[in-house]
Amino acid sequence: MTKCTFHTYALKSMSPPAGPQWQDLLSTGKAKVISTIQPPHWNGVWHPDPKVQWIIPLKGTWFVEAMDGTRVEMGPGDISLGEDQLSRPDGAGHKGHLAGNVGDGPVTLLVVQLENEAPTAGQPCRFQ
């Protein structure tokens, strides 16, 4: 997993006459926006993402572990791009990523699935 920054900002109004703000347009096109609450101790087992998707924790702490063993914990203020649909099973049969809750409470996520975005491999930080 690679930690990326957004850096192509332009100062403009999102809806004139509202004042300008720094914006970085990452994607356009059709998307599904899903709010999900994972119950306490939720375990997502190994699975690939269903679509190229942004995962945004709103409440609680969530983790994702990549097939190379890299594990990242995320909470409010973090964002993750999931696009591991092209992954292949490893020697243990793992494919995609492992995900779950950290701690004893539920985790609320906002998931934005990009309907017409093809997954890529080996292109970290491509949304810049």
Protein backbone atom coordinates (compact mmCIF):
# COMPACT_ATOMS: atom_id res chain seq x y z
CA MET A 1 0.00 0.00 0.00
CA THR A 2 1.23 3.45 -0.87
CA LYS A 3 0.39 6.65 0.98
CA CYS A 4 -0.51 9.27 -1.62
CA THR A 5 -1.26 12.97 -1.52
CA PHE A 6 -3.55 14.98 -3.74
CA HIS A 7 -1.69 17.89 -5.27
CA THR A 8 -3.40 19.23 -8.38
CA TYR A 9 -5.51 21.85 -6.62
CA ALA A 10 -7.15 24.84 -8.28
CA LEU A 11 -8.71 27.75 -6.39
CA LYS A 12 -12.25 28.15 -7.72
CA SER A 13 -15.87 28.28 -6.68
CA MET A 14 -17.72 25.00 -6.58
CA SER A 15 -21.02 26.83 -7.09
CA PRO A 16 -20.83 30.55 -7.89
CA PRO A 17 -21.40 32.94 -6.20
CA ALA A 18 -19.96 30.89 -3.30
CA GLY A 19 -16.39 31.86 -2.49
CA PRO A 20 -13.46 29.98 -4.00
CA GLN A 21 -11.95 26.92 -2.36
CA TRP A 22 -9.07 24.61 -3.25
CA GLN A 23 -10.35 21.70 -5.36
CA ASP A 24 -8.71 18.64 -6.92
CA LEU A 25 -11.07 16.82 -9.32
CA LEU A 26 -10.11 13.16 -8.96
CA SER A 27 -12.73 11.42 -11.07
CA THR A 28 -15.89 12.07 -13.05
CA GLY A 29 -18.58 9.69 -14.14
CA LYS A 30 -21.16 7.38 -12.66
CA ALA A 31 -20.72 6.25 -9.06
CA LYS A 32 -22.60 4.50 -6.27
CA VAL A 33 -22.39 6.06 -2.82
CA ILE A 34 -22.94 3.57 0.01
CA SER A 35 -23.07 4.18 3.75
CA THR A 36 -22.22 1.03 5.69
CA ILE A 37 -22.05 0.20 9.39
CA GLN A 38 -19.91 -2.79 10.18
CA PRO A 39 -21.07 -4.42 13.43
CA PRO A 40 -18.66 -4.84 16.37
CA HIS A 41 -15.87 -7.34 15.64
CA TRP A 42 -16.72 -7.41 11.91
CA ASN A 43 -14.26 -9.49 9.90
CA GLY A 44 -14.25 -9.15 6.12
CA VAL A 45 -12.06 -12.23 5.48
CA TRP A 46 -9.92 -12.25 2.31
CA HIS A 47 -11.76 -10.78 -0.69
CA PRO A 48 -11.18 -8.44 -3.66
CA ASP A 49 -12.98 -5.11 -3.92
CA PRO A 50 -16.21 -5.41 -5.93
CA LYS A 51 -15.43 -2.21 -7.87
CA VAL A 52 -12.73 0.44 -7.89
CA GLN A 53 -13.82 2.29 -4.78
CA TRP A 54 -12.94 4.97 -2.28
CA ILE A 55 -13.43 3.89 1.35
CA ILE A 56 -13.82 6.74 3.85
CA PRO A 57 -14.09 5.91 7.57
CA LEU A 58 -16.59 8.21 9.30
CA LYS A 59 -16.66 6.67 12.79
CA GLY A 60 -14.50 4.03 14.47
CA THR A 61 -11.27 2.43 13.26
CA TRP A 62 -11.03 0.01 10.36
CA PHE A 63 -8.05 -1.94 9.03
CA VAL A 64 -7.04 -3.32 5.67
CA GLU A 65 -4.22 -5.81 5.09
CA ALA A 66 -2.71 -6.30 1.63
CA MET A 67 -1.49 -9.61 0.27
CA ASP A 68 2.13 -8.58 0.95
CA GLY A 69 1.32 -8.36 4.68
CA THR A 70 1.16 -4.57 4.87
CA ARG A 71 -1.55 -3.56 7.35
CA VAL A 72 -2.97 -0.06 7.71
CA GLU A 73 -5.46 1.18 10.31
CA MET A 74 -7.71 4.07 9.30
CA GLY A 75 -10.21 6.30 11.04
CA PRO A 76 -12.07 9.56 10.41
CA GLY A 77 -10.00 11.84 8.19
CA ASP A 78 -8.39 8.96 6.27
CA ILE A 79 -9.34 7.65 2.83
CA SER A 80 -8.42 4.46 0.99
CA LEU A 81 -8.63 3.53 -2.68
CA GLY A 82 -9.49 -0.12 -3.17
CA GLU A 83 -8.83 -1.68 -6.56
CA ASP A 84 -7.42 -5.16 -6.03
CA GLN A 85 -9.69 -6.94 -8.51
CA LEU A 86 -6.68 -8.02 -10.60
CA SER A 87 -4.94 -9.78 -7.70
CA ARG A 88 -4.20 -13.49 -7.95
CA PRO A 89 -4.40 -16.02 -5.12
CA ASP A 90 -1.19 -16.47 -3.15
CA GLY A 91 0.15 -19.78 -1.84
CA ALA A 92 -2.30 -19.69 1.07
CA GLY A 93 -5.25 -19.00 -1.24
CA HIS A 94 -5.58 -15.36 -0.16
CA LYS A 95 -6.87 -13.01 -2.84
CA GLY A 96 -7.51 -9.28 -2.55
CA HIS A 97 -7.28 -7.97 0.99
CA LEU A 98 -8.28 -8.72 4.56
CA ALA A 99 -10.34 -6.06 6.34
CA GLY A 100 -12.04 -5.65 9.67
CA ASN A 101 -12.83 -3.49 12.65
CA VAL A 102 -10.29 -2.43 15.27
CA GLY A 103 -11.62 -2.46 18.82
CA ASP A 104 -15.00 -3.45 20.19
CA GLY A 105 -17.32 -0.99 18.47
CA PRO A 106 -19.01 -0.69 15.09
CA VAL A 107 -17.33 1.14 12.21
CA THR A 108 -19.19 3.49 9.87
CA LEU A 109 -17.77 3.83 6.36
CA LEU A 110 -18.74 5.82 3.29
CA VAL A 111 -17.93 3.84 0.14
CA VAL A 112 -17.90 5.49 -3.29
CA GLN A 113 -17.83 2.85 -6.04
CA LEU A 114 -16.70 4.14 -9.44
CA GLU A 115 -19.01 2.36 -11.87
CA ASN A 116 -17.01 2.78 -15.09
CA GLU A 117 -13.45 2.83 -13.73
CA ALA A 118 -11.27 -0.11 -14.78
CA PRO A 119 -8.96 -1.46 -12.07
CA THR A 120 -5.22 -1.11 -12.55
CA ALA A 121 -2.21 -2.86 -11.03
CA GLY A 122 1.13 -1.31 -10.16
CA GLN A 123 -0.10 2.28 -10.50
CA PRO A 124 -0.25 3.68 -6.96
CA CYS A 125 -1.39 7.28 -6.61
CA ARG A 126 -2.95 7.37 -10.08
CA PHE A 127 -5.72 9.72 -8.92
CA GLN A 128 -3.61 12.88 -8.64
